[in-house]
Amino acid sequence: MSNYVKRGRSAMFIKLMQRIRSEERGITGLETAIILIAFVMVASVLAYVVLTAGLFSAQKAKEAVHAGLTEVRSTMELKGNVILKMVEGYGTELYFTVGCPAASDPIDFTDTTDGDNVVVISYADDYQQFPTMDWTVTKLNTTDEDNLLDSDELFQVTVDLAAVNDGAATDNEKLGPYHKFALEVKPPTGAVLTIERRVPARVSQLVNLY
């Protein structure tokens, strides 16, 4: 075989190899582009999920903070003594005074006279439990005519305990000496005010329960 033919075949082989390499480089570039696009899409989805979760968590944290502030700002306080009125040796009415801390939200003390009360007062002892009791309110000092207890006002609450004695099976279950009971004053928002007292052994018409 002549040298001319050999050189021709070598040149054709070189061109073929260059063509193959060129095609391989094209395929490699296309695959790289596809992989890059896939990474970008996955990163975008992940960033969206993380951002959405972060915004959701921030919103829930904000709602929790506002709810906590509402609870704190609506808390009422017991002011002064708790007085029990006794008739024939058994308690029939309970008197106590409530107020609100400074900068707190007002509490609606529309009483149970017309059945549209907002604050609920419940009673419990070792023998009976009443989810709601009848009660009325007397404004000791007030700055307006509504039934909202503001931070600069004092309301005296009178709880009717007739249902406790009427529902007792025996005299021992009535609200008499040595009897321990608990009242819960539940506003629509804010902490529950719990009043736990025991009737002393010696009673008079009006008993100061310590």
N, C-alpha and C. Protein backbone atom coordinates (compact mmCIF):
# COMPACT_ATOMS: atom_id res chain seq x y z
N MET A 1 0.86 -1.18 0.00
CA MET A 1 0.00 0.00 0.00
C MET A 1 0.89 1.22 0.00
N SER A 2 0.52 2.18 -0.82
CA SER A 2 1.38 3.35 -0.97
C SER A 2 1.24 4.26 0.23
N ASN A 3 2.23 5.07 0.39
CA ASN A 3 2.21 6.03 1.49
C ASN A 3 1.07 7.03 1.31
N TYR A 4 0.69 7.31 0.11
CA TYR A 4 -0.38 8.29 -0.16
C TYR A 4 -1.70 7.77 0.41
N VAL A 5 -1.94 6.48 0.16
CA VAL A 5 -3.20 5.89 0.66
C VAL A 5 -3.21 5.87 2.18
N LYS A 6 -2.06 5.51 2.76
CA LYS A 6 -1.97 5.48 4.21
C LYS A 6 -2.24 6.85 4.80
N ARG A 7 -1.67 7.85 4.18
CA ARG A 7 -1.88 9.21 4.72
C ARG A 7 -3.34 9.63 4.57
N GLY A 8 -3.98 9.19 3.52
CA GLY A 8 -5.40 9.53 3.32
C GLY A 8 -6.28 8.89 4.37
N ARG A 9 -6.02 7.60 4.64
CA ARG A 9 -6.81 6.91 5.67
C ARG A 9 -6.57 7.53 7.06
N SER A 10 -5.35 7.89 7.32
CA SER A 10 -5.05 8.52 8.63
C SER A 10 -5.79 9.83 8.77
N ALA A 11 -5.85 10.59 7.69
CA ALA A 11 -6.55 11.88 7.74
C ALA A 11 -8.04 11.67 7.97
N MET A 12 -8.62 10.65 7.28
CA MET A 12 -10.05 10.36 7.48
C MET A 12 -10.33 9.90 8.91
N PHE A 13 -9.42 9.08 9.45
CA PHE A 13 -9.59 8.61 10.83
C PHE A 13 -9.55 9.75 11.82
N ILE A 14 -8.62 10.67 11.59
CA ILE A 14 -8.49 11.83 12.49
C ILE A 14 -9.75 12.68 12.44
N LYS A 15 -10.28 12.90 11.23
CA LYS A 15 -11.51 13.70 11.10
C LYS A 15 -12.69 13.02 11.78
N LEU A 16 -12.76 11.67 11.63
CA LEU A 16 -13.84 10.93 12.29
C LEU A 16 -13.76 11.05 13.79
N MET A 17 -12.59 10.93 14.37
CA MET A 17 -12.41 11.04 15.81
C MET A 17 -12.76 12.43 16.29
N GLN A 18 -12.36 13.44 15.50
CA GLN A 18 -12.68 14.81 15.90
C GLN A 18 -14.19 15.03 15.89
N ARG A 19 -14.86 14.41 14.91
CA ARG A 19 -16.32 14.53 14.84
C ARG A 19 -16.99 13.87 16.04
N ILE A 20 -16.48 12.68 16.38
CA ILE A 20 -17.05 11.96 17.54
C ILE A 20 -16.86 12.76 18.82
N ARG A 21 -15.65 13.31 18.99
CA ARG A 21 -15.40 14.12 20.19
C ARG A 21 -16.32 15.34 20.23
N SER A 22 -16.51 15.95 19.08
CA SER A 22 -17.39 17.13 19.01
C SER A 22 -18.81 16.79 19.41
N GLU A 23 -19.31 15.64 18.89
CA GLU A 23 -20.66 15.21 19.26
C GLU A 23 -20.76 14.88 20.74
N GLU A 24 -19.72 14.26 21.32
CA GLU A 24 -19.72 13.95 22.75
C GLU A 24 -19.76 15.21 23.59
N ARG A 25 -19.02 16.20 23.15
CA ARG A 25 -19.04 17.47 23.91
C ARG A 25 -20.43 18.09 23.86
N GLY A 26 -21.13 17.97 22.76
CA GLY A 26 -22.48 18.51 22.67
C GLY A 26 -23.45 17.81 23.59
N ILE A 27 -23.35 16.49 23.64
CA ILE A 27 -24.22 15.72 24.53
C ILE A 27 -23.92 16.05 25.98
N THR A 28 -22.66 16.17 26.33
CA THR A 28 -22.28 16.50 27.71
C THR A 28 -22.81 17.86 28.11
N GLY A 29 -22.75 18.84 27.24
CA GLY A 29 -23.27 20.17 27.53
C GLY A 29 -24.77 20.17 27.74
N LEU A 30 -25.53 19.39 26.94
CA LEU A 30 -26.98 19.30 27.09
C LEU A 30 -27.36 18.65 28.41
N GLU A 31 -26.67 17.57 28.77
CA GLU A 31 -26.95 16.91 30.05
C GLU A 31 -26.67 17.83 31.22
N THR A 32 -25.57 18.56 31.11
CA THR A 32 -25.23 19.50 32.18
C THR A 32 -26.30 20.57 32.34
N ALA A 33 -26.82 21.07 31.21
CA ALA A 33 -27.88 22.09 31.27
C ALA A 33 -29.13 21.54 31.94
N ILE A 34 -29.49 20.28 31.58
CA ILE A 34 -30.68 19.66 32.18
C ILE A 34 -30.50 19.50 33.68
N ILE A 35 -29.34 19.02 34.09
CA ILE A 35 -29.07 18.85 35.53
C ILE A 35 -29.11 20.19 36.26
N LEU A 36 -28.54 21.23 35.62
CA LEU A 36 -28.55 22.55 36.24
C LEU A 36 -29.96 23.07 36.42
N ILE A 37 -30.79 22.89 35.39
CA ILE A 37 -32.19 23.35 35.48
C ILE A 37 -32.93 22.59 36.58
N ALA A 38 -32.65 21.28 36.67
CA ALA A 38 -33.30 20.49 37.72
C ALA A 38 -32.90 20.98 39.10
N PHE A 39 -31.61 21.28 39.29
CA PHE A 39 -31.15 21.80 40.57
C PHE A 39 -31.82 23.14 40.90
N VAL A 40 -31.94 24.00 39.88
CA VAL A 40 -32.57 25.31 40.09
C VAL A 40 -34.03 25.14 40.50
N MET A 41 -34.74 24.23 39.84
CA MET A 41 -36.16 24.01 40.17
C MET A 41 -36.31 23.46 41.58
N VAL A 42 -35.48 22.47 41.93
CA VAL A 42 -35.55 21.90 43.28
C VAL A 42 -35.23 22.95 44.33
N ALA A 43 -34.21 23.78 44.05
CA ALA A 43 -33.85 24.83 45.00
C ALA A 43 -34.97 25.85 45.14
N SER A 44 -35.66 26.16 44.03
CA SER A 44 -36.76 27.12 44.09
C SER A 44 -37.92 26.58 44.92
N VAL A 45 -38.27 25.30 44.69
CA VAL A 45 -39.34 24.68 45.47
C VAL A 45 -38.99 24.64 46.95
N LEU A 46 -37.75 24.26 47.26
CA LEU A 46 -37.31 24.20 48.65
C LEU A 46 -37.33 25.58 49.30
N ALA A 47 -36.89 26.59 48.56
CA ALA A 47 -36.90 27.95 49.09
C ALA A 47 -38.33 28.42 49.36
N TYR A 48 -39.26 28.07 48.45
CA TYR A 48 -40.66 28.45 48.65
C TYR A 48 -41.24 27.78 49.88
N VAL A 49 -40.95 26.48 50.05
CA VAL A 49 -41.45 25.75 51.22
C VAL A 49 -40.91 26.35 52.51
N VAL A 50 -39.60 26.61 52.53
CA VAL A 50 -38.98 27.18 53.73
C VAL A 50 -39.54 28.56 54.03
N LEU A 51 -39.71 29.38 52.99
CA LEU A 51 -40.25 30.73 53.19
C LEU A 51 -41.68 30.68 53.68
N THR A 52 -42.48 29.80 53.09
CA THR A 52 -43.88 29.67 53.52
C THR A 52 -43.97 29.20 54.97
N ALA A 53 -43.16 28.20 55.31
CA ALA A 53 -43.16 27.71 56.69
C ALA A 53 -42.72 28.79 57.66
N GLY A 54 -41.73 29.59 57.26
CA GLY A 54 -41.27 30.67 58.13
C GLY A 54 -42.35 31.71 58.35
N LEU A 55 -43.06 32.09 57.28
CA LEU A 55 -44.13 33.07 57.41
C LEU A 55 -45.28 32.53 58.26
N PHE A 56 -45.59 31.24 58.07
CA PHE A 56 -46.66 30.62 58.87
C PHE A 56 -46.29 30.60 60.34
N SER A 57 -45.03 30.22 60.63
CA SER A 57 -44.58 30.18 62.03
C SER A 57 -44.58 31.57 62.65
N ALA A 58 -44.16 32.56 61.86
CA ALA A 58 -44.15 33.93 62.38
C ALA A 58 -45.56 34.41 62.67
N GLN A 59 -46.53 34.06 61.79
CA GLN A 59 -47.91 34.47 62.01
C GLN A 59 -48.49 33.81 63.25
N LYS A 60 -48.21 32.50 63.44
CA LYS A 60 -48.70 31.81 64.62
C LYS A 60 -48.08 32.38 65.89
N ALA A 61 -46.79 32.71 65.83
CA ALA A 61 -46.14 33.31 67.00
C ALA A 61 -46.77 34.65 67.33
N LYS A 62 -47.08 35.42 66.30
CA LYS A 62 -47.73 36.72 66.51
C LYS A 62 -49.10 36.55 67.13
N GLU A 63 -49.87 35.57 66.65
CA GLU A 63 -51.19 35.32 67.22
C GLU A 63 -51.08 34.87 68.67
N ALA A 64 -50.09 34.04 68.98
CA ALA A 64 -49.91 33.58 70.36
C ALA A 64 -49.56 34.74 71.28
N VAL A 65 -48.72 35.65 70.81
CA VAL A 65 -48.36 36.82 71.62
C VAL A 65 -49.57 37.70 71.88
N HIS A 66 -50.37 37.93 70.83
CA HIS A 66 -51.56 38.77 71.00
C HIS A 66 -52.57 38.10 71.94
N ALA A 67 -52.71 36.77 71.82
CA ALA A 67 -53.63 36.06 72.71
C ALA A 67 -53.16 36.14 74.16
N GLY A 68 -51.85 36.01 74.36
CA GLY A 68 -51.31 36.12 75.72
C GLY A 68 -51.52 37.50 76.30
N LEU A 69 -51.31 38.53 75.49
CA LEU A 69 -51.53 39.90 75.95
C LEU A 69 -52.99 40.13 76.30
N THR A 70 -53.90 39.57 75.49
CA THR A 70 -55.33 39.71 75.77
C THR A 70 -55.69 39.06 77.09
N GLU A 71 -55.12 37.86 77.35
CA GLU A 71 -55.40 37.18 78.60
C GLU A 71 -54.91 37.98 79.80
N VAL A 72 -53.72 38.54 79.68
CA VAL A 72 -53.14 39.30 80.79
C VAL A 72 -53.91 40.60 81.01
N ARG A 73 -54.25 41.28 79.94
CA ARG A 73 -54.89 42.58 80.05
C ARG A 73 -56.33 42.49 80.52
N SER A 74 -56.94 41.30 80.49
CA SER A 74 -58.33 41.16 80.88
C SER A 74 -58.50 40.53 82.27
N THR A 75 -57.42 40.40 83.02
CA THR A 75 -57.48 39.74 84.32
C THR A 75 -58.13 40.66 85.35
N MET A 76 -59.03 40.11 86.15
CA MET A 76 -59.66 40.86 87.23
C MET A 76 -59.03 40.47 88.56
N GLU A 77 -59.27 41.30 89.58
CA GLU A 77 -58.69 41.07 90.90
C GLU A 77 -59.78 41.16 91.96
N LEU A 78 -59.58 40.38 93.02
CA LEU A 78 -60.46 40.46 94.17
C LEU A 78 -60.03 41.63 95.04
N LYS A 79 -60.96 42.49 95.38
CA LYS A 79 -60.68 43.69 96.18
C LYS A 79 -61.43 43.60 97.50
N GLY A 80 -60.71 43.48 98.58
CA GLY A 80 -61.36 43.49 99.89
C GLY A 80 -61.82 42.13 100.35
N ASN A 81 -62.80 42.13 101.25
CA ASN A 81 -63.25 40.93 101.93
C ASN A 81 -64.31 40.17 101.14
N VAL A 82 -64.50 38.92 101.55
CA VAL A 82 -65.59 38.08 101.03
C VAL A 82 -66.56 37.86 102.17
N ILE A 83 -67.78 38.34 101.99
CA ILE A 83 -68.78 38.32 103.07
C ILE A 83 -69.89 37.33 102.73
N LEU A 84 -70.22 36.48 103.70
CA LEU A 84 -71.30 35.51 103.54
C LEU A 84 -72.48 35.91 104.43
N LYS A 85 -73.65 36.03 103.82
CA LYS A 85 -74.88 36.33 104.57
C LYS A 85 -75.50 35.01 105.02
N MET A 86 -75.79 34.92 106.35
CA MET A 86 -76.35 33.70 106.94
C MET A 86 -77.81 33.93 107.32
N VAL A 87 -78.65 32.97 107.02
CA VAL A 87 -80.06 32.97 107.43
C VAL A 87 -80.36 31.61 108.03
N GLU A 88 -80.74 31.62 109.31
CA GLU A 88 -81.03 30.38 110.05
C GLU A 88 -79.85 29.41 110.02
N GLY A 89 -78.64 29.96 110.08
CA GLY A 89 -77.44 29.15 110.18
C GLY A 89 -76.86 28.67 108.86
N TYR A 90 -77.43 29.11 107.73
CA TYR A 90 -76.94 28.67 106.43
C TYR A 90 -76.71 29.88 105.52
N GLY A 91 -75.67 29.78 104.69
CA GLY A 91 -75.36 30.89 103.79
C GLY A 91 -76.34 31.00 102.65
N THR A 92 -76.80 32.24 102.42
CA THR A 92 -77.78 32.47 101.35
C THR A 92 -77.24 33.40 100.25
N GLU A 93 -76.34 34.29 100.61
CA GLU A 93 -75.77 35.21 99.62
C GLU A 93 -74.29 35.44 99.92
N LEU A 94 -73.54 35.67 98.87
CA LEU A 94 -72.11 35.93 99.01
C LEU A 94 -71.80 37.26 98.34
N TYR A 95 -71.02 38.10 99.05
CA TYR A 95 -70.66 39.41 98.53
C TYR A 95 -69.13 39.52 98.39
N PHE A 96 -68.69 40.00 97.26
CA PHE A 96 -67.27 40.30 97.09
C PHE A 96 -67.13 41.41 96.05
N THR A 97 -65.98 42.09 96.10
CA THR A 97 -65.73 43.23 95.22
C THR A 97 -64.58 42.90 94.27
N VAL A 98 -64.75 43.28 93.01
CA VAL A 98 -63.73 43.01 92.00
C VAL A 98 -63.30 44.32 91.33
N GLY A 99 -62.07 44.31 90.84
CA GLY A 99 -61.53 45.43 90.08
C GLY A 99 -60.60 44.91 89.01
N CYS A 100 -60.12 45.82 88.17
CA CYS A 100 -59.20 45.45 87.08
C CYS A 100 -57.86 46.15 87.30
N PRO A 101 -56.75 45.50 86.95
CA PRO A 101 -55.45 46.17 87.04
C PRO A 101 -55.37 47.34 86.07
N ALA A 102 -54.40 48.21 86.29
CA ALA A 102 -54.21 49.35 85.41
C ALA A 102 -53.89 48.88 84.00
N ALA A 103 -54.38 49.63 83.02
CA ALA A 103 -54.13 49.38 81.59
C ALA A 103 -54.74 48.06 81.11
N SER A 104 -55.69 47.51 81.85
CA SER A 104 -56.32 46.26 81.42
C SER A 104 -57.56 46.57 80.59
N ASP A 105 -58.01 45.58 79.85
CA ASP A 105 -59.23 45.72 79.05
C ASP A 105 -60.45 45.65 79.96
N PRO A 106 -61.52 46.39 79.65
CA PRO A 106 -62.73 46.32 80.47
C PRO A 106 -63.42 44.96 80.36
N ILE A 107 -64.15 44.60 81.42
CA ILE A 107 -64.87 43.33 81.47
C ILE A 107 -66.36 43.62 81.60
N ASP A 108 -67.16 42.98 80.78
CA ASP A 108 -68.61 43.20 80.75
C ASP A 108 -69.26 42.48 81.92
N PHE A 109 -69.77 43.24 82.89
CA PHE A 109 -70.44 42.68 84.06
C PHE A 109 -71.95 42.89 83.99
N THR A 110 -72.52 42.73 82.81
CA THR A 110 -73.97 42.69 82.71
C THR A 110 -74.45 41.46 83.46
N ASP A 111 -75.30 41.64 84.49
CA ASP A 111 -75.62 40.53 85.40
C ASP A 111 -76.70 39.61 84.83
N THR A 112 -77.13 38.66 85.66
CA THR A 112 -78.06 37.62 85.21
C THR A 112 -79.52 38.02 85.36
N THR A 113 -79.79 39.28 85.65
CA THR A 113 -81.18 39.71 85.86
C THR A 113 -82.03 39.43 84.63
N ASP A 114 -81.52 39.80 83.47
CA ASP A 114 -82.26 39.59 82.22
C ASP A 114 -81.75 38.41 81.41
N GLY A 115 -80.85 37.63 82.00
CA GLY A 115 -80.35 36.44 81.33
C GLY A 115 -79.37 36.69 80.21
N ASP A 116 -78.79 37.88 80.14
CA ASP A 116 -77.84 38.19 79.06
C ASP A 116 -76.45 38.47 79.62
N ASN A 117 -76.10 37.77 80.71
CA ASN A 117 -74.79 37.99 81.33
C ASN A 117 -73.68 37.42 80.45
N VAL A 118 -72.49 38.02 80.56
CA VAL A 118 -71.31 37.57 79.83
C VAL A 118 -70.37 36.82 80.77
N VAL A 119 -70.18 37.37 81.96
CA VAL A 119 -69.35 36.72 82.98
C VAL A 119 -70.16 35.58 83.62
N VAL A 120 -69.52 34.41 83.74
CA VAL A 120 -70.18 33.23 84.33
C VAL A 120 -69.55 32.95 85.68
N ILE A 121 -70.39 32.73 86.69
CA ILE A 121 -69.92 32.38 88.03
C ILE A 121 -70.43 30.97 88.36
N SER A 122 -69.51 30.08 88.67
CA SER A 122 -69.87 28.69 88.99
C SER A 122 -69.53 28.40 90.46
N TYR A 123 -70.17 27.36 90.99
CA TYR A 123 -70.02 26.99 92.40
C TYR A 123 -69.72 25.49 92.49
N ALA A 124 -68.88 25.12 93.46
CA ALA A 124 -68.60 23.70 93.70
C ALA A 124 -68.21 23.49 95.16
N ASP A 125 -68.63 22.36 95.72
CA ASP A 125 -68.18 21.93 97.04
C ASP A 125 -68.07 20.41 97.02
N ASP A 126 -67.97 19.80 98.20
CA ASP A 126 -67.79 18.35 98.26
C ASP A 126 -69.05 17.58 97.87
N TYR A 127 -70.19 18.27 97.78
CA TYR A 127 -71.45 17.57 97.55
C TYR A 127 -72.14 17.98 96.25
N GLN A 128 -71.95 19.22 95.82
CA GLN A 128 -72.69 19.73 94.68
C GLN A 128 -71.79 20.55 93.76
N GLN A 129 -72.28 20.72 92.54
CA GLN A 129 -71.57 21.54 91.57
C GLN A 129 -72.60 22.21 90.66
N PHE A 130 -72.47 23.54 90.54
CA PHE A 130 -73.38 24.32 89.71
C PHE A 130 -72.56 25.08 88.67
N PRO A 131 -72.73 24.77 87.39
CA PRO A 131 -71.94 25.45 86.35
C PRO A 131 -72.17 26.94 86.28
N THR A 132 -73.38 27.38 86.62
CA THR A 132 -73.67 28.81 86.59
C THR A 132 -74.63 29.17 87.72
N MET A 133 -74.36 30.31 88.34
CA MET A 133 -75.18 30.80 89.45
C MET A 133 -75.76 32.16 89.06
N ASP A 134 -76.91 32.47 89.70
CA ASP A 134 -77.49 33.80 89.52
C ASP A 134 -76.71 34.82 90.34
N TRP A 135 -76.46 35.98 89.75
CA TRP A 135 -75.73 37.02 90.46
C TRP A 135 -76.13 38.39 89.93
N THR A 136 -75.92 39.38 90.76
CA THR A 136 -76.17 40.76 90.39
C THR A 136 -74.94 41.59 90.77
N VAL A 137 -74.88 42.81 90.26
CA VAL A 137 -73.72 43.65 90.49
C VAL A 137 -74.17 45.03 90.98
N THR A 138 -73.40 45.58 91.91
CA THR A 138 -73.61 46.94 92.40
C THR A 138 -72.36 47.75 92.13
N LYS A 139 -72.50 48.90 91.48
CA LYS A 139 -71.35 49.74 91.13
C LYS A 139 -70.98 50.60 92.34
N LEU A 140 -69.83 50.32 92.93
CA LEU A 140 -69.39 51.08 94.09
C LEU A 140 -68.84 52.44 93.70
N ASN A 141 -68.06 52.48 92.66
CA ASN A 141 -67.63 53.75 92.07
C ASN A 141 -67.52 53.54 90.58
N THR A 142 -68.01 54.47 89.81
CA THR A 142 -68.06 54.30 88.36
C THR A 142 -67.85 55.64 87.68
N THR A 143 -67.32 55.57 86.47
CA THR A 143 -67.08 56.78 85.67
C THR A 143 -68.04 56.90 84.51
N ASP A 144 -68.86 55.88 84.28
CA ASP A 144 -69.84 55.93 83.19
C ASP A 144 -71.04 55.07 83.57
N GLU A 145 -72.01 54.96 82.67
CA GLU A 145 -73.26 54.29 82.97
C GLU A 145 -73.33 52.86 82.43
N ASP A 146 -72.29 52.41 81.74
CA ASP A 146 -72.35 51.05 81.19
C ASP A 146 -71.99 50.02 82.26
N ASN A 147 -72.05 48.75 81.86
CA ASN A 147 -71.75 47.64 82.77
C ASN A 147 -70.33 47.12 82.60
N LEU A 148 -69.47 47.89 81.97
CA LEU A 148 -68.10 47.48 81.76
C LEU A 148 -67.25 47.89 82.96
N LEU A 149 -66.56 46.90 83.53
CA LEU A 149 -65.68 47.17 84.66
C LEU A 149 -64.34 47.67 84.12
N ASP A 150 -64.07 48.96 84.32
CA ASP A 150 -62.81 49.56 83.87
C ASP A 150 -61.77 49.50 84.99
N SER A 151 -60.56 49.88 84.65
CA SER A 151 -59.46 49.77 85.62
C SER A 151 -59.61 50.72 86.79
N ASP A 152 -60.41 51.78 86.65
CA ASP A 152 -60.59 52.73 87.75
C ASP A 152 -61.94 52.57 88.43
N GLU A 153 -62.56 51.40 88.29
CA GLU A 153 -63.88 51.17 88.87
C GLU A 153 -63.85 49.94 89.79
N LEU A 154 -64.83 49.89 90.69
CA LEU A 154 -65.02 48.75 91.59
C LEU A 154 -66.48 48.32 91.54
N PHE A 155 -66.71 47.02 91.34
CA PHE A 155 -68.06 46.46 91.32
C PHE A 155 -68.18 45.45 92.45
N GLN A 156 -69.31 45.53 93.19
CA GLN A 156 -69.61 44.51 94.19
C GLN A 156 -70.55 43.48 93.58
N VAL A 157 -70.16 42.23 93.65
CA VAL A 157 -70.96 41.14 93.08
C VAL A 157 -71.69 40.42 94.20
N THR A 158 -72.99 40.18 94.00
CA THR A 158 -73.80 39.43 94.96
C THR A 158 -74.23 38.13 94.30
N VAL A 159 -73.81 37.01 94.87
CA VAL A 159 -74.13 35.70 94.32
C VAL A 159 -75.25 35.08 95.14
N ASP A 160 -76.32 34.64 94.46
CA ASP A 160 -77.45 33.99 95.12
C ASP A 160 -77.12 32.52 95.34
N LEU A 161 -77.04 32.11 96.62
CA LEU A 161 -76.68 30.73 96.97
C LEU A 161 -77.88 29.88 97.35
N ALA A 162 -79.08 30.34 97.02
CA ALA A 162 -80.28 29.58 97.40
C ALA A 162 -80.29 28.19 96.77
N ALA A 163 -79.78 28.09 95.55
CA ALA A 163 -79.79 26.79 94.86
C ALA A 163 -78.93 25.77 95.59
N VAL A 164 -77.89 26.22 96.28
CA VAL A 164 -77.01 25.29 97.00
C VAL A 164 -77.77 24.62 98.14
N ASN A 165 -78.49 25.41 98.91
CA ASN A 165 -79.24 24.86 100.04
C ASN A 165 -80.46 24.07 99.57
N ASP A 166 -81.10 24.56 98.49
CA ASP A 166 -82.28 23.85 97.99
C ASP A 166 -81.92 22.50 97.40
N GLY A 167 -80.72 22.38 96.84
CA GLY A 167 -80.32 21.13 96.22
C GLY A 167 -79.66 20.15 97.16
N ALA A 168 -79.44 20.55 98.41
CA ALA A 168 -78.76 19.67 99.37
C ALA A 168 -79.68 18.53 99.80
N ALA A 169 -79.14 17.33 99.88
CA ALA A 169 -79.94 16.17 100.30
C ALA A 169 -80.15 16.14 101.80
N THR A 170 -79.17 16.64 102.56
CA THR A 170 -79.27 16.69 104.03
C THR A 170 -78.80 18.06 104.49
N ASP A 171 -79.00 18.33 105.78
CA ASP A 171 -78.55 19.60 106.34
C ASP A 171 -77.03 19.71 106.31
N ASN A 172 -76.35 18.59 106.40
CA ASN A 172 -74.88 18.62 106.37
C ASN A 172 -74.34 19.10 105.02
N GLU A 173 -75.13 18.93 103.97
CA GLU A 173 -74.70 19.36 102.65
C GLU A 173 -75.03 20.82 102.37
N LYS A 174 -75.76 21.46 103.26
CA LYS A 174 -76.07 22.87 103.08
C LYS A 174 -74.85 23.72 103.45
N LEU A 175 -74.89 24.97 103.08
CA LEU A 175 -73.76 25.87 103.28
C LEU A 175 -73.77 26.39 104.72
N GLY A 176 -73.32 25.53 105.65
CA GLY A 176 -73.30 25.89 107.05
C GLY A 176 -71.89 25.88 107.61
N PRO A 177 -71.73 25.88 108.93
CA PRO A 177 -70.41 25.87 109.58
C PRO A 177 -69.54 24.71 109.09
N TYR A 178 -68.25 24.98 108.97
CA TYR A 178 -67.21 24.05 108.52
C TYR A 178 -67.32 23.67 107.04
N HIS A 179 -68.25 24.29 106.35
CA HIS A 179 -68.46 23.95 104.95
C HIS A 179 -67.43 24.67 104.07
N LYS A 180 -66.73 23.93 103.23
CA LYS A 180 -65.74 24.50 102.32
C LYS A 180 -66.32 24.53 100.91
N PHE A 181 -66.11 25.63 100.19
CA PHE A 181 -66.67 25.77 98.85
C PHE A 181 -65.71 26.60 97.99
N ALA A 182 -65.99 26.62 96.69
CA ALA A 182 -65.18 27.39 95.75
C ALA A 182 -66.08 28.03 94.70
N LEU A 183 -65.80 29.29 94.42
CA LEU A 183 -66.47 30.00 93.34
C LEU A 183 -65.45 30.30 92.24
N GLU A 184 -65.89 30.23 90.99
CA GLU A 184 -65.05 30.61 89.87
C GLU A 184 -65.76 31.69 89.08
N VAL A 185 -65.11 32.84 88.96
CA VAL A 185 -65.64 33.96 88.18
C VAL A 185 -64.94 33.92 86.83
N LYS A 186 -65.70 33.65 85.78
CA LYS A 186 -65.12 33.38 84.46
C LYS A 186 -65.52 34.48 83.47
N PRO A 187 -64.59 35.38 83.16
CA PRO A 187 -64.87 36.38 82.13
C PRO A 187 -64.75 35.76 80.75
N PRO A 188 -65.27 36.41 79.70
CA PRO A 188 -65.14 35.85 78.34
C PRO A 188 -63.69 35.74 77.89
N THR A 189 -62.83 36.66 78.32
CA THR A 189 -61.39 36.58 78.05
C THR A 189 -60.65 36.89 79.33
N GLY A 190 -59.46 36.32 79.47
CA GLY A 190 -58.67 36.57 80.67
C GLY A 190 -58.72 35.40 81.63
N ALA A 191 -57.94 35.52 82.68
CA ALA A 191 -57.82 34.44 83.66
C ALA A 191 -59.08 34.33 84.52
N VAL A 192 -59.32 33.12 85.01
CA VAL A 192 -60.46 32.85 85.90
C VAL A 192 -60.09 33.27 87.32
N LEU A 193 -61.00 33.98 87.98
CA LEU A 193 -60.81 34.37 89.37
C LEU A 193 -61.44 33.30 90.26
N THR A 194 -60.62 32.61 91.05
CA THR A 194 -61.09 31.54 91.93
C THR A 194 -61.13 32.03 93.37
N ILE A 195 -62.26 31.80 94.03
CA ILE A 195 -62.44 32.20 95.43
C ILE A 195 -62.76 30.93 96.22
N GLU A 196 -61.84 30.51 97.08
CA GLU A 196 -62.04 29.33 97.92
C GLU A 196 -62.11 29.77 99.38
N ARG A 197 -63.17 29.36 100.06
CA ARG A 197 -63.37 29.76 101.45
C ARG A 197 -63.99 28.61 102.25
N ARG A 198 -63.87 28.73 103.59
CA ARG A 198 -64.51 27.78 104.50
C ARG A 198 -65.32 28.57 105.51
N VAL A 199 -66.55 28.13 105.75
CA VAL A 199 -67.41 28.79 106.73
C VAL A 199 -66.90 28.44 108.13
N PRO A 200 -66.70 29.44 108.98
CA PRO A 200 -66.16 29.14 110.33
C PRO A 200 -67.18 28.42 111.21
N ALA A 201 -66.70 27.96 112.35
CA ALA A 201 -67.58 27.22 113.26
C ALA A 201 -68.63 28.13 113.89
N ARG A 202 -68.21 29.34 114.25
CA ARG A 202 -69.13 30.31 114.87
C ARG A 202 -69.52 31.33 113.82
N VAL A 203 -70.81 31.47 113.59
CA VAL A 203 -71.29 32.35 112.54
C VAL A 203 -72.25 33.38 113.12
N SER A 204 -72.39 34.49 112.40
CA SER A 204 -73.36 35.53 112.72
C SER A 204 -74.15 35.82 111.45
N GLN A 205 -74.90 36.90 111.45
CA GLN A 205 -75.70 37.20 110.28
C GLN A 205 -74.82 37.48 109.06
N LEU A 206 -73.71 38.17 109.26
CA LEU A 206 -72.74 38.42 108.20
C LEU A 206 -71.38 37.92 108.65
N VAL A 207 -70.78 37.03 107.87
CA VAL A 207 -69.52 36.41 108.24
C VAL A 207 -68.46 36.79 107.22
N ASN A 208 -67.34 37.28 107.75
CA ASN A 208 -66.18 37.62 106.90
C ASN A 208 -65.38 36.34 106.70
N LEU A 209 -65.32 35.87 105.46
CA LEU A 209 -64.62 34.62 105.16
C LEU A 209 -63.18 34.92 104.77
N TYR A 210 -62.23 34.48 105.57
CA TYR A 210 -60.82 34.74 105.33
C TYR A 210 -60.21 33.63 104.46
